[in-house]
Amino acid sequence: MSDLDSLKTSLLADIAAAGDEAAIEAVRLTALGKKGSVSELLKTLGGMSAEERQTRGAAINALKTEVSEAISARKADLRDAAITARLEAEKLDVSLPVRSSPSERGRIHPISQIVDEITAIFADMGFSIAEGPDIETDYYNFTALNFPEGHPAREMHDTFFLAPDANGERKVLRTHTSPVQVRTMEAQDPPIRIVIPGKTYRQDSDATHSPMFHQVEGLVIDKTSNVGHLRWVLEEFCKTFFEVDSVTMRFRPSFFPFTEPSFEVDIQCDRSGPIVKFGEGSDWMEILGCGMVHPNVLRAGGLDPDEYQGFAWGMGLDRIAMLKYGMPDLRDFFNADVRWTTHYGFRPLDMPTLFGGLSA
């Protein structure tokens, strides 16, 4: 066997034995690289005579061609095998259900949804949103709102008091969002039209009460506001919020330290079935308290009650969410149960609007 035949046999065996593309590339460099065995033979062609080049040169070129074709064929086979192995390893079971996207799985908590709904309603009436601190002084939480000394709301059994500070003052977790009314009057000249959603805290816990709960209240201050304006605002709010064409309300005399006169507001409803229906029926349900701002509260806010007057109202966000969406237990709002949130929550991209529907 000639040296060329031996070299060909050896190279073809190495090509056939190459197990991956890296190995076949190593064989190519060994045979056809600058210092490869076939390349070294090609360098000898310049020193041959014409007769030798016709025989020996043709044999060397034939060897180069055969080795190149064998390498290309082996590369193709190895590439096909790699793709087949990858497809086998990464195969997908198309019968499995498609995973929903985060925007589909996620849910907006009903309280956040209710705040957005209320914001949309009152913004359309010309109100702005106001906020204040959760930790309040006794002055803003009680004194400025006309709570007299010895009032039951100041007692330990109803209010969360913090430890005394360096000056001996005991701050409280606010028991209502009403301190924001006084803070707004101090910082802003009338006319004032604000709604105040936020967290409040009282020592109470059962199926309809929670130590931490949410309230929303509104305040209007100008020179001519009256009970008629108050009634119109509340009726328009209830019609829009409960998404009914009409509501019937009744105002019952009541007492709140920060309003005079004060009223409890009931709304007509039908409670004969499993859900409460508003705008129909012969039953009544209390939903909020309201009244004309007490002159002492106006004075605490730096306003002259002989020049300015106003009205305010407040309601529990958790309660009206329960009424609107049929939630039986207030405590579920705070249990962080994903199943409950999935059932009662709202899709994050379904923003409440007055033209598209609040809870669409």
Protein backbone atom coordinates (compact mmCIF):
# COMPACT_ATOMS: atom_id res chain seq x y z
CA MET A 1 0.00 0.00 0.00
CA SER A 2 1.40 3.43 -1.00
CA ASP A 3 1.95 6.21 1.49
CA LEU A 4 -1.04 8.13 0.05
CA ASP A 5 -3.31 5.12 0.50
CA SER A 6 -2.15 4.69 4.08
CA LEU A 7 -2.71 8.39 4.83
CA LYS A 8 -6.18 8.27 3.26
CA THR A 9 -7.15 5.21 5.26
CA SER A 10 -5.94 6.84 8.47
CA LEU A 11 -7.69 10.17 7.84
CA LEU A 12 -10.99 8.56 6.80
CA ALA A 13 -10.90 6.44 9.95
CA ASP A 14 -10.32 9.55 12.09
CA ILE A 15 -13.20 11.32 10.31
CA ALA A 16 -15.56 8.40 10.90
CA ALA A 17 -14.53 8.23 14.57
CA ALA A 18 -15.15 11.94 15.26
CA GLY A 19 -18.04 12.14 17.75
CA ASP A 20 -18.88 15.84 17.59
CA GLU A 21 -18.20 18.98 15.58
CA ALA A 22 -15.18 19.88 17.70
CA ALA A 23 -13.56 16.51 16.98
CA ILE A 24 -14.21 16.75 13.25
CA GLU A 25 -12.72 20.24 13.24
CA ALA A 26 -9.58 18.85 14.89
CA VAL A 27 -9.32 16.21 12.13
CA ARG A 28 -9.71 18.94 9.48
CA LEU A 29 -6.86 20.94 10.95
CA THR A 30 -4.69 17.80 11.18
CA ALA A 31 -5.25 17.02 7.49
CA LEU A 32 -5.94 20.33 5.74
CA GLY A 33 -4.57 22.98 8.09
CA LYS A 34 -1.46 25.01 7.19
CA LYS A 35 0.75 22.29 8.65
CA GLY A 36 -1.64 19.42 8.04
CA SER A 37 -0.52 16.15 6.51
CA VAL A 38 -2.27 16.75 3.16
CA SER A 39 -1.18 20.37 3.06
CA GLU A 40 2.47 19.30 3.55
CA LEU A 41 2.17 16.95 0.57
CA LEU A 42 0.75 19.75 -1.56
CA LYS A 43 3.83 21.84 -0.76
CA THR A 44 6.00 19.23 -2.50
CA LEU A 45 4.32 19.80 -5.88
CA GLY A 46 6.62 22.74 -6.69
CA GLY A 47 9.74 20.52 -6.64
CA MET A 48 8.32 17.86 -8.93
CA SER A 49 8.89 17.44 -12.60
CA ALA A 50 6.04 17.82 -15.06
CA GLU A 51 5.64 14.07 -15.35
CA GLU A 52 5.54 13.60 -11.55
CA ARG A 53 2.95 16.35 -11.13
CA GLN A 54 0.70 14.58 -13.62
CA THR A 55 0.70 11.37 -11.59
CA ARG A 56 1.76 12.14 -8.00
CA GLY A 57 0.20 15.64 -8.01
CA ALA A 58 -3.13 14.34 -9.31
CA ALA A 59 -3.18 11.68 -6.58
CA ILE A 60 -2.47 14.25 -3.84
CA ASN A 61 -5.23 16.58 -5.12
CA ALA A 62 -7.62 13.65 -5.31
CA LEU A 63 -6.75 12.81 -1.70
CA LYS A 64 -7.44 16.44 -0.62
CA THR A 65 -10.79 16.42 -2.43
CA GLU A 66 -11.86 13.10 -0.92
CA VAL A 67 -10.81 14.09 2.60
CA SER A 68 -12.60 17.49 2.30
CA GLU A 69 -15.80 15.83 1.09
CA ALA A 70 -15.63 13.24 3.88
CA ILE A 71 -15.16 15.98 6.49
CA SER A 72 -18.12 17.98 5.11
CA ALA A 73 -20.35 14.92 5.04
CA ARG A 74 -19.37 13.97 8.61
CA LYS A 75 -20.00 17.54 9.79
CA ALA A 76 -23.47 17.45 8.29
CA ASP A 77 -24.21 14.11 9.94
CA LEU A 78 -22.99 15.35 13.33
CA ARG A 79 -25.03 18.56 13.02
CA ASP A 80 -28.18 16.60 12.17
CA ALA A 81 -27.57 14.26 15.10
CA ALA A 82 -27.09 17.22 17.49
CA ILE A 83 -30.34 18.81 16.35
CA THR A 84 -32.18 15.51 16.72
CA ALA A 85 -30.80 15.04 20.24
CA ARG A 86 -31.75 18.59 21.22
CA LEU A 87 -35.26 18.22 19.87
CA GLU A 88 -35.64 15.00 21.82
CA ALA A 89 -34.35 16.57 25.02
CA GLU A 90 -36.33 19.82 24.67
CA LYS A 91 -39.59 18.48 23.35
CA LEU A 92 -42.75 20.25 24.47
CA ASP A 93 -46.01 18.59 25.40
CA VAL A 94 -48.46 20.71 23.42
CA SER A 95 -51.38 19.05 25.20
CA LEU A 96 -50.52 20.92 28.45
CA PRO A 97 -52.64 24.01 29.16
CA VAL A 98 -51.00 27.35 28.37
CA ARG A 99 -49.90 29.29 31.44
CA SER A 100 -51.70 32.58 31.80
CA SER A 101 -49.67 35.79 31.87
CA PRO A 102 -49.07 37.73 35.11
CA SER A 103 -51.56 40.38 33.97
CA GLU A 104 -54.19 37.63 33.68
CA ARG A 105 -53.35 35.91 36.99
CA GLY A 106 -52.90 39.06 39.06
CA ARG A 107 -55.82 40.66 40.89
CA ILE A 108 -56.54 44.11 42.34
CA HIS A 109 -57.77 43.92 45.93
CA PRO A 110 -61.43 45.00 46.29
CA ILE A 111 -60.44 47.88 48.61
CA SER A 112 -58.05 49.28 46.01
CA GLN A 113 -60.80 48.90 43.42
CA ILE A 114 -63.32 50.71 45.63
CA VAL A 115 -60.88 53.61 46.15
CA ASP A 116 -60.43 53.88 42.38
CA GLU A 117 -64.20 53.83 41.84
CA ILE A 118 -64.82 56.55 44.43
CA THR A 119 -61.98 58.63 43.04
CA ALA A 120 -63.52 58.45 39.56
CA ILE A 121 -66.97 59.47 40.84
CA PHE A 122 -65.91 62.43 42.95
CA ALA A 123 -63.28 63.63 40.49
CA ASP A 124 -66.11 63.99 37.99
CA MET A 125 -67.89 66.24 40.54
CA GLY A 126 -64.84 68.47 40.92
CA PHE A 127 -63.37 66.97 44.09
CA SER A 128 -59.67 66.36 44.73
CA ILE A 129 -58.04 63.65 46.86
CA ALA A 130 -56.51 64.55 50.24
CA GLU A 131 -54.38 62.41 52.55
CA GLY A 132 -52.91 62.65 56.04
CA PRO A 133 -50.76 60.70 58.52
CA ASP A 134 -51.98 57.47 60.14
CA ILE A 135 -50.33 58.46 63.45
CA GLU A 136 -52.05 61.58 64.76
CA THR A 137 -51.84 63.91 67.71
CA ASP A 138 -54.64 64.09 70.23
CA TYR A 139 -55.33 67.60 69.00
CA TYR A 140 -56.05 66.71 65.38
CA ASN A 141 -57.78 63.43 66.14
CA PHE A 142 -60.03 64.73 68.94
CA THR A 143 -59.71 68.34 70.16
CA ALA A 144 -59.80 70.10 66.78
CA LEU A 145 -62.83 67.98 65.86
CA ASN A 146 -64.80 69.19 68.89
CA PHE A 147 -64.47 66.05 71.00
CA PRO A 148 -64.84 67.23 74.60
CA GLU A 149 -62.68 65.98 77.44
CA GLY A 150 -64.07 62.69 78.77
CA HIS A 151 -65.67 61.70 75.44
CA PRO A 152 -65.89 57.86 75.17
CA ALA A 153 -63.81 57.88 71.97
CA ARG A 154 -60.84 59.09 74.00
CA GLU A 155 -60.92 56.02 76.23
CA MET A 156 -58.29 53.29 76.07
CA HIS A 157 -60.84 50.58 75.24
CA ASP A 158 -61.67 52.21 71.88
CA THR A 159 -58.46 53.90 70.72
CA PHE A 160 -54.90 52.69 70.12
CA PHE A 161 -52.67 55.05 72.10
CA LEU A 162 -48.91 55.08 71.59
CA ALA A 163 -46.35 55.38 74.38
CA PRO A 164 -45.71 58.98 75.58
CA ASP A 165 -42.96 60.87 73.77
CA ALA A 166 -40.23 63.01 75.38
CA ASN A 167 -42.79 65.75 76.04
CA GLY A 168 -45.26 63.34 77.61
CA GLU A 169 -47.64 63.55 74.65
CA ARG A 170 -49.39 60.33 73.65
CA LYS A 171 -50.12 60.10 69.94
CA VAL A 172 -52.80 57.80 68.57
CA LEU A 173 -53.50 55.67 65.54
CA ARG A 174 -56.16 57.82 63.95
CA THR A 175 -59.68 56.61 64.67
CA HIS A 176 -61.11 58.30 61.57
CA THR A 177 -59.88 60.22 58.53
CA SER A 178 -61.46 63.46 59.83
CA PRO A 179 -58.14 64.99 61.02
CA VAL A 180 -57.35 65.54 57.34
CA GLN A 181 -60.30 67.97 57.22
CA VAL A 182 -58.65 70.29 59.76
CA ARG A 183 -55.21 69.90 58.19
CA THR A 184 -56.66 70.82 54.78
CA MET A 185 -58.47 73.91 56.15
CA GLU A 186 -55.22 75.05 57.75
CA ALA A 187 -53.27 74.64 54.50
CA GLN A 188 -55.81 75.71 51.88
CA ASP A 189 -58.16 78.64 51.43
CA PRO A 190 -61.82 77.96 50.57
CA PRO A 191 -63.52 76.86 48.45
CA ILE A 192 -62.53 73.32 49.47
CA ARG A 193 -63.85 70.14 47.85
CA ILE A 194 -61.96 67.03 48.92
CA VAL A 195 -62.49 63.33 49.48
CA ILE A 196 -60.25 61.50 51.95
CA PRO A 197 -59.76 57.72 51.61
CA GLY A 198 -57.47 56.01 54.08
CA LYS A 199 -56.79 53.53 56.87
CA THR A 200 -58.25 54.00 60.37
CA TYR A 201 -57.82 52.07 63.61
CA ARG A 202 -60.11 51.09 66.49
CA GLN A 203 -60.09 48.28 69.03
CA ASP A 204 -62.90 46.22 67.56
CA SER A 205 -62.98 42.89 65.72
CA ASP A 206 -65.81 40.67 64.47
CA ALA A 207 -67.46 39.69 61.18
CA THR A 208 -68.27 43.34 60.39
CA HIS A 209 -65.49 45.15 62.30
CA SER A 210 -61.71 45.10 62.08
CA PRO A 211 -59.00 46.78 64.22
CA MET A 212 -57.67 48.32 61.01
CA PHE A 213 -60.25 49.33 58.45
CA HIS A 214 -60.74 51.83 55.65
CA GLN A 215 -62.85 54.96 55.55
CA VAL A 216 -63.63 57.62 53.01
CA GLU A 217 -65.08 60.99 53.82
CA GLY A 218 -65.72 64.19 51.98
CA LEU A 219 -65.57 67.86 52.86
CA VAL A 220 -66.99 70.92 51.14
CA ILE A 221 -66.29 74.40 52.49
CA ASP A 222 -67.47 77.64 50.90
CA LYS A 223 -69.84 80.51 51.68
CA THR A 224 -73.14 79.09 50.42
CA SER A 225 -73.05 75.28 50.82
CA ASN A 226 -76.07 73.77 52.53
CA VAL A 227 -77.87 70.52 53.33
CA GLY A 228 -79.51 70.50 49.91
CA HIS A 229 -76.11 70.40 48.24
CA LEU A 230 -75.07 67.63 50.63
CA ARG A 231 -78.09 65.52 49.73
CA TRP A 232 -77.51 65.96 46.00
CA VAL A 233 -73.85 64.92 46.26
CA LEU A 234 -74.71 61.79 48.24
CA GLU A 235 -77.57 60.80 45.93
CA GLU A 236 -75.41 61.21 42.83
CA PHE A 237 -72.61 59.25 44.46
CA CYS A 238 -74.88 56.34 45.46
CA LYS A 239 -76.54 56.13 42.05
CA THR A 240 -73.18 55.99 40.32
CA PHE A 241 -71.42 53.75 42.82
CA PHE A 242 -74.19 51.13 43.05
CA GLU A 243 -74.84 51.54 39.31
CA VAL A 244 -78.60 52.09 39.55
CA ASP A 245 -80.84 54.65 37.85
CA SER A 246 -82.30 56.10 41.04
CA VAL A 247 -82.01 55.89 44.82
CA THR A 248 -84.26 56.91 47.66
CA MET A 249 -82.58 58.23 50.79
CA ARG A 250 -83.77 59.26 54.19
CA PHE A 251 -81.87 61.46 56.60
CA ARG A 252 -82.32 60.69 60.31
CA PRO A 253 -81.19 63.16 63.01
CA SER A 254 -78.08 61.99 64.81
CA PHE A 255 -75.11 63.39 66.72
CA PHE A 256 -71.43 63.71 65.82
CA PRO A 257 -69.13 66.09 67.67
CA PHE A 258 -67.77 67.58 64.44
CA THR A 259 -71.08 68.33 62.64
CA GLU A 260 -74.22 70.27 63.53
CA PRO A 261 -76.82 69.35 62.46
CA SER A 262 -75.83 65.69 62.03
CA PHE A 263 -77.59 62.91 60.13
CA GLU A 264 -77.50 59.17 59.62
CA VAL A 265 -78.29 58.33 56.01
CA ASP A 266 -80.31 55.26 55.00
CA ILE A 267 -80.75 54.05 51.45
CA GLN A 268 -83.78 52.15 50.19
CA CYS A 269 -83.07 48.55 49.24
CA ASP A 270 -84.47 45.06 48.83
CA ARG A 271 -83.05 42.45 51.22
CA SER A 272 -85.52 39.67 50.47
CA GLY A 273 -83.08 37.65 48.37
CA PRO A 274 -79.51 36.40 48.80
CA ILE A 275 -78.07 39.76 47.72
CA VAL A 276 -78.98 43.33 48.63
CA LYS A 277 -80.51 45.29 45.74
CA PHE A 278 -80.42 49.08 45.87
CA GLY A 279 -82.85 51.40 44.17
CA GLU A 280 -85.82 49.10 44.80
CA GLY A 281 -87.70 47.28 47.55
CA SER A 282 -89.12 48.48 50.86
CA ASP A 283 -86.18 47.91 53.23
CA TRP A 284 -83.70 50.48 54.53
CA MET A 285 -79.97 50.21 55.18
CA GLU A 286 -77.73 52.71 56.93
CA ILE A 287 -74.67 53.48 54.82
CA LEU A 288 -73.05 56.66 56.17
CA GLY A 289 -73.10 59.63 58.53
CA CYS A 290 -72.97 63.28 57.54
CA GLY A 291 -73.82 66.83 58.54
CA MET A 292 -72.90 70.50 58.39
CA VAL A 293 -69.39 71.21 59.69
CA HIS A 294 -69.50 72.38 63.30
CA PRO A 295 -68.43 76.03 63.83
CA ASN A 296 -65.79 74.89 66.33
CA VAL A 297 -64.17 72.70 63.66
CA LEU A 298 -64.14 75.65 61.25
CA ARG A 299 -62.42 77.75 63.91
CA ALA A 300 -59.85 74.99 64.53
CA GLY A 301 -59.10 75.05 60.80
CA GLY A 302 -58.52 78.82 60.91
CA LEU A 303 -61.80 79.80 59.22
CA ASP A 304 -64.46 82.25 60.37
CA PRO A 305 -67.79 80.37 60.83
CA ASP A 306 -69.66 83.63 60.28
CA GLU A 307 -68.20 83.77 56.76
CA TYR A 308 -67.77 80.12 55.79
CA GLN A 309 -69.85 76.99 56.16
CA GLY A 310 -69.67 73.51 54.78
CA PHE A 311 -70.72 69.89 54.97
CA ALA A 312 -68.96 66.59 55.47
CA TRP A 313 -69.78 62.91 55.29
CA GLY A 314 -68.01 59.64 56.02
CA MET A 315 -68.47 55.94 55.39
CA GLY A 316 -66.59 52.67 55.73
CA LEU A 317 -64.95 51.52 52.49
CA ASP A 318 -64.93 47.91 53.65
CA ARG A 319 -68.65 48.01 54.43
CA ILE A 320 -69.73 49.46 51.10
CA ALA A 321 -67.46 46.98 49.30
CA MET A 322 -69.24 44.17 51.16
CA LEU A 323 -72.61 45.61 50.18
CA LYS A 324 -71.77 46.13 46.53
CA TYR A 325 -69.94 42.87 45.88
CA GLY A 326 -71.68 40.50 48.29
CA MET A 327 -68.79 39.73 50.64
CA PRO A 328 -70.07 38.11 53.85
CA ASP A 329 -67.15 38.58 56.28
CA LEU A 330 -64.98 41.66 56.74
CA ARG A 331 -62.12 39.62 58.17
CA ASP A 332 -61.51 37.97 54.80
CA PHE A 333 -60.29 41.34 53.50
CA PHE A 334 -57.14 40.99 55.62
CA ASN A 335 -56.43 37.22 55.54
CA ALA A 336 -54.22 37.34 52.41
CA ASP A 337 -55.95 34.24 51.02
CA VAL A 338 -55.04 34.00 47.33
CA ARG A 339 -58.22 32.03 46.60
CA TRP A 340 -60.37 34.81 48.06
CA THR A 341 -58.45 37.49 46.17
CA THR A 342 -58.76 35.51 42.93
CA HIS A 343 -62.52 35.20 43.41
CA TYR A 344 -63.32 38.76 44.56
CA GLY A 345 -60.39 40.65 43.03
CA PHE A 346 -60.38 42.66 39.82
CA ARG A 347 -58.19 42.41 36.75
CA PRO A 348 -55.39 44.97 36.95
CA LEU A 349 -56.01 46.44 33.49
CA ASP A 350 -59.78 46.93 33.99
CA MET A 351 -59.69 50.50 35.26
CA PRO A 352 -62.99 51.94 36.55
CA THR A 353 -64.40 54.77 34.44
CA LEU A 354 -67.73 56.55 34.43
CA PHE A 355 -68.23 55.95 30.71
CA GLY A 356 -67.00 52.35 30.61
CA GLY A 357 -68.48 51.12 33.90
CA LEU A 358 -67.01 51.28 37.37
CA SER A 359 -66.74 47.55 37.95
CA ALA A 360 -66.80 46.28 34.37
